[in-house]
Amino acid sequence: MSYKKLVRDKIPEIIKNNGEEAITRILSLEEYKIELEKKLKEEMNEVLESAGNGRIEELADLLEVMINLANLENKTLEDIIKISDDKRNRRGGFSKRIYLEGIEEK
């Protein structure tokens, strides 16, 4: 069976423990970035298609991809959280559920 996608680090070991052989290779840095971006879209779609505890699992997967993308920029999860906090302080968050219909000129 062919998968052709980025997988978590322990997946080859899990496949081996199931009596199968994983055919893998290590990606170049550029390939890794491209595959992380593909994985970001995949995980986002899985978040949108899930609910309840399944959604929380998918959000965790999405977060893992975000952490690795940040690492490519020499940043950490803590850096992302700080920037998020700063933006929330300056511009607010999304918790008030405000939906902008448009803007009228004065």
C-alpha atoms as a PDB file:
ATOM      1  CA  MET A   1       0.000   0.000   0.000  1.00  0.00           C
ATOM      2  CA  SER A   2       1.302   3.486  -0.854  1.00  0.00           C
ATOM      3  CA  TYR A   3       0.866   6.470   1.482  1.00  0.00           C
ATOM      4  CA  LYS A   4       3.361   9.140   0.363  1.00  0.00           C
ATOM      5  CA  LYS A   5       2.904  11.449   3.359  1.00  0.00           C
ATOM      6  CA  LEU A   6       4.635  12.788   6.443  1.00  0.00           C
ATOM      7  CA  VAL A   7       3.917  10.659   9.510  1.00  0.00           C
ATOM      8  CA  ARG A   8       4.669  10.894  13.210  1.00  0.00           C
ATOM      9  CA  ASP A   9       8.105   9.657  14.267  1.00  0.00           C
ATOM     10  CA  LYS A  10       6.952   6.417  15.903  1.00  0.00           C
ATOM     11  CA  ILE A  11       4.685   5.245  13.065  1.00  0.00           C
ATOM     12  CA  PRO A  12       7.387   3.051  11.423  1.00  0.00           C
ATOM     13  CA  GLU A  13       7.948   1.310  14.787  1.00  0.00           C
ATOM     14  CA  ILE A  14       4.195   0.775  15.226  1.00  0.00           C
ATOM     15  CA  ILE A  15       3.988  -0.689  11.704  1.00  0.00           C
ATOM     16  CA  LYS A  16       6.902  -3.019  12.482  1.00  0.00           C
ATOM     17  CA  ASN A  17       5.222  -4.140  15.717  1.00  0.00           C
ATOM     18  CA  ASN A  18       2.175  -5.057  13.614  1.00  0.00           C
ATOM     19  CA  GLY A  19       4.336  -7.465  11.608  1.00  0.00           C
ATOM     20  CA  GLU A  20       4.667  -5.212   8.565  1.00  0.00           C
ATOM     21  CA  GLU A  21       7.557  -3.260   7.072  1.00  0.00           C
ATOM     22  CA  ALA A  22       7.439   0.515   6.631  1.00  0.00           C
ATOM     23  CA  ILE A  23       9.237   1.866   3.596  1.00  0.00           C
ATOM     24  CA  THR A  24      10.509   5.301   4.622  1.00  0.00           C
ATOM     25  CA  ARG A  25      13.052   7.970   3.816  1.00  0.00           C
ATOM     26  CA  ILE A  26      14.217  11.140   5.534  1.00  0.00           C
ATOM     27  CA  LEU A  27      13.011  14.331   3.855  1.00  0.00           C
ATOM     28  CA  SER A  28      15.251  17.236   2.946  1.00  0.00           C
ATOM     29  CA  LEU A  29      14.514  20.448   4.835  1.00  0.00           C
ATOM     30  CA  GLU A  30      12.643  21.883   1.839  1.00  0.00           C
ATOM     31  CA  GLU A  31      10.612  18.677   1.368  1.00  0.00           C
ATOM     32  CA  TYR A  32       9.877  18.652   5.104  1.00  0.00           C
ATOM     33  CA  LYS A  33       8.486  22.201   4.973  1.00  0.00           C
ATOM     34  CA  ILE A  34       6.285  21.337   1.986  1.00  0.00           C
ATOM     35  CA  GLU A  35       5.009  18.158   3.664  1.00  0.00           C
ATOM     36  CA  LEU A  36       4.318  19.996   6.941  1.00  0.00           C
ATOM     37  CA  GLU A  37       2.261  22.535   4.995  1.00  0.00           C
ATOM     38  CA  LYS A  38       0.301  19.695   3.365  1.00  0.00           C
ATOM     39  CA  LYS A  39      -0.160  18.106   6.793  1.00  0.00           C
ATOM     40  CA  LEU A  40      -1.413  21.445   8.166  1.00  0.00           C
ATOM     41  CA  LYS A  41      -4.201  21.468   5.562  1.00  0.00           C
ATOM     42  CA  GLU A  42      -4.980  17.778   6.180  1.00  0.00           C
ATOM     43  CA  GLU A  43      -5.226  18.282   9.936  1.00  0.00           C
ATOM     44  CA  MET A  44      -7.305  21.448   9.547  1.00  0.00           C
ATOM     45  CA  ASN A  45      -9.817  19.525   7.433  1.00  0.00           C
ATOM     46  CA  GLU A  46      -9.905  16.731  10.010  1.00  0.00           C
ATOM     47  CA  VAL A  47     -10.628  19.305  12.748  1.00  0.00           C
ATOM     48  CA  LEU A  48     -13.510  20.696  10.701  1.00  0.00           C
ATOM     49  CA  GLU A  49     -14.933  17.212  10.081  1.00  0.00           C
ATOM     50  CA  SER A  50     -14.778  16.083  13.714  1.00  0.00           C
ATOM     51  CA  ALA A  51     -16.630  16.827  16.957  1.00  0.00           C
ATOM     52  CA  GLY A  52     -16.323  16.183  20.684  1.00  0.00           C
ATOM     53  CA  ASN A  53     -13.258  14.261  21.841  1.00  0.00           C
ATOM     54  CA  GLY A  54     -12.385  13.491  18.231  1.00  0.00           C
ATOM     55  CA  ARG A  55     -12.087  17.214  17.574  1.00  0.00           C
ATOM     56  CA  ILE A  56      -9.760  17.608  20.559  1.00  0.00           C
ATOM     57  CA  GLU A  57      -7.548  14.796  19.175  1.00  0.00           C
ATOM     58  CA  GLU A  58      -7.459  16.514  15.790  1.00  0.00           C
ATOM     59  CA  LEU A  59      -6.666  19.883  17.380  1.00  0.00           C
ATOM     60  CA  ALA A  60      -3.729  18.180  19.128  1.00  0.00           C
ATOM     61  CA  ASP A  61      -2.508  16.919  15.742  1.00  0.00           C
ATOM     62  CA  LEU A  62      -2.900  20.407  14.291  1.00  0.00           C
ATOM     63  CA  LEU A  63      -0.919  21.850  17.199  1.00  0.00           C
ATOM     64  CA  GLU A  64       1.886  19.328  16.633  1.00  0.00           C
ATOM     65  CA  VAL A  65       2.176  20.462  13.015  1.00  0.00           C
ATOM     66  CA  MET A  66       2.167  24.111  14.099  1.00  0.00           C
ATOM     67  CA  ILE A  67       4.955  23.434  16.606  1.00  0.00           C
ATOM     68  CA  ASN A  68       7.096  21.854  13.893  1.00  0.00           C
ATOM     69  CA  LEU A  69       6.418  24.686  11.429  1.00  0.00           C
ATOM     70  CA  ALA A  70       7.411  27.174  14.138  1.00  0.00           C
ATOM     71  CA  ASN A  71      10.602  25.193  14.756  1.00  0.00           C
ATOM     72  CA  LEU A  72      11.506  25.668  11.089  1.00  0.00           C
ATOM     73  CA  GLU A  73      11.378  29.417  11.807  1.00  0.00           C
ATOM     74  CA  ASN A  74      13.524  28.925  14.932  1.00  0.00           C
ATOM     75  CA  LYS A  75      10.498  29.641  17.122  1.00  0.00           C
ATOM     76  CA  THR A  76       8.770  27.621  19.849  1.00  0.00           C
ATOM     77  CA  LEU A  77       5.218  26.995  20.993  1.00  0.00           C
ATOM     78  CA  GLU A  78       5.875  29.536  23.738  1.00  0.00           C
ATOM     79  CA  ASP A  79       6.751  32.119  21.061  1.00  0.00           C
ATOM     80  CA  ILE A  80       3.461  31.416  19.267  1.00  0.00           C
ATOM     81  CA  ILE A  81       1.513  31.722  22.515  1.00  0.00           C
ATOM     82  CA  LYS A  82       3.225  35.024  23.381  1.00  0.00           C
ATOM     83  CA  ILE A  83       2.422  36.471  19.953  1.00  0.00           C
ATOM     84  CA  SER A  84      -1.160  35.214  20.266  1.00  0.00           C
ATOM     85  CA  ASP A  85      -1.469  36.829  23.704  1.00  0.00           C
ATOM     86  CA  ASP A  86      -0.028  40.100  22.383  1.00  0.00           C
ATOM     87  CA  LYS A  87      -2.476  40.137  19.451  1.00  0.00           C
ATOM     88  CA  ARG A  88      -5.389  39.325  21.771  1.00  0.00           C
ATOM     89  CA  ASN A  89      -4.386  42.230  24.030  1.00  0.00           C
ATOM     90  CA  ARG A  90      -4.101  44.653  21.092  1.00  0.00           C
ATOM     91  CA  ARG A  91      -7.003  43.505  18.886  1.00  0.00           C
ATOM     92  CA  GLY A  92      -9.060  41.149  21.023  1.00  0.00           C
ATOM     93  CA  GLY A  93      -9.792  37.472  20.544  1.00  0.00           C
ATOM     94  CA  PHE A  94     -12.793  35.744  19.008  1.00  0.00           C
ATOM     95  CA  SER A  95     -14.678  34.812  22.184  1.00  0.00           C
ATOM     96  CA  LYS A  96     -17.367  37.506  21.808  1.00  0.00           C
ATOM     97  CA  ARG A  97     -18.501  35.919  18.509  1.00  0.00           C
ATOM     98  CA  ILE A  98     -18.570  39.281  16.688  1.00  0.00           C
ATOM     99  CA  TYR A  99     -19.429  38.932  12.989  1.00  0.00           C
ATOM    100  CA  LEU A 100     -18.636  42.000  10.859  1.00  0.00           C
ATOM    101  CA  GLU A 101     -21.353  42.465   8.228  1.00  0.00           C
ATOM    102  CA  GLY A 102     -19.694  45.465   6.604  1.00  0.00           C
ATOM    103  CA  ILE A 103     -18.612  49.059   7.135  1.00  0.00           C
ATOM    104  CA  GLU A 104     -20.617  52.178   6.274  1.00  0.00           C
ATOM    105  CA  GLU A 105     -18.780  55.261   5.156  1.00  0.00           C
ATOM    106  CA  LYS A 106     -19.460  58.476   7.089  1.00  0.00           C
END
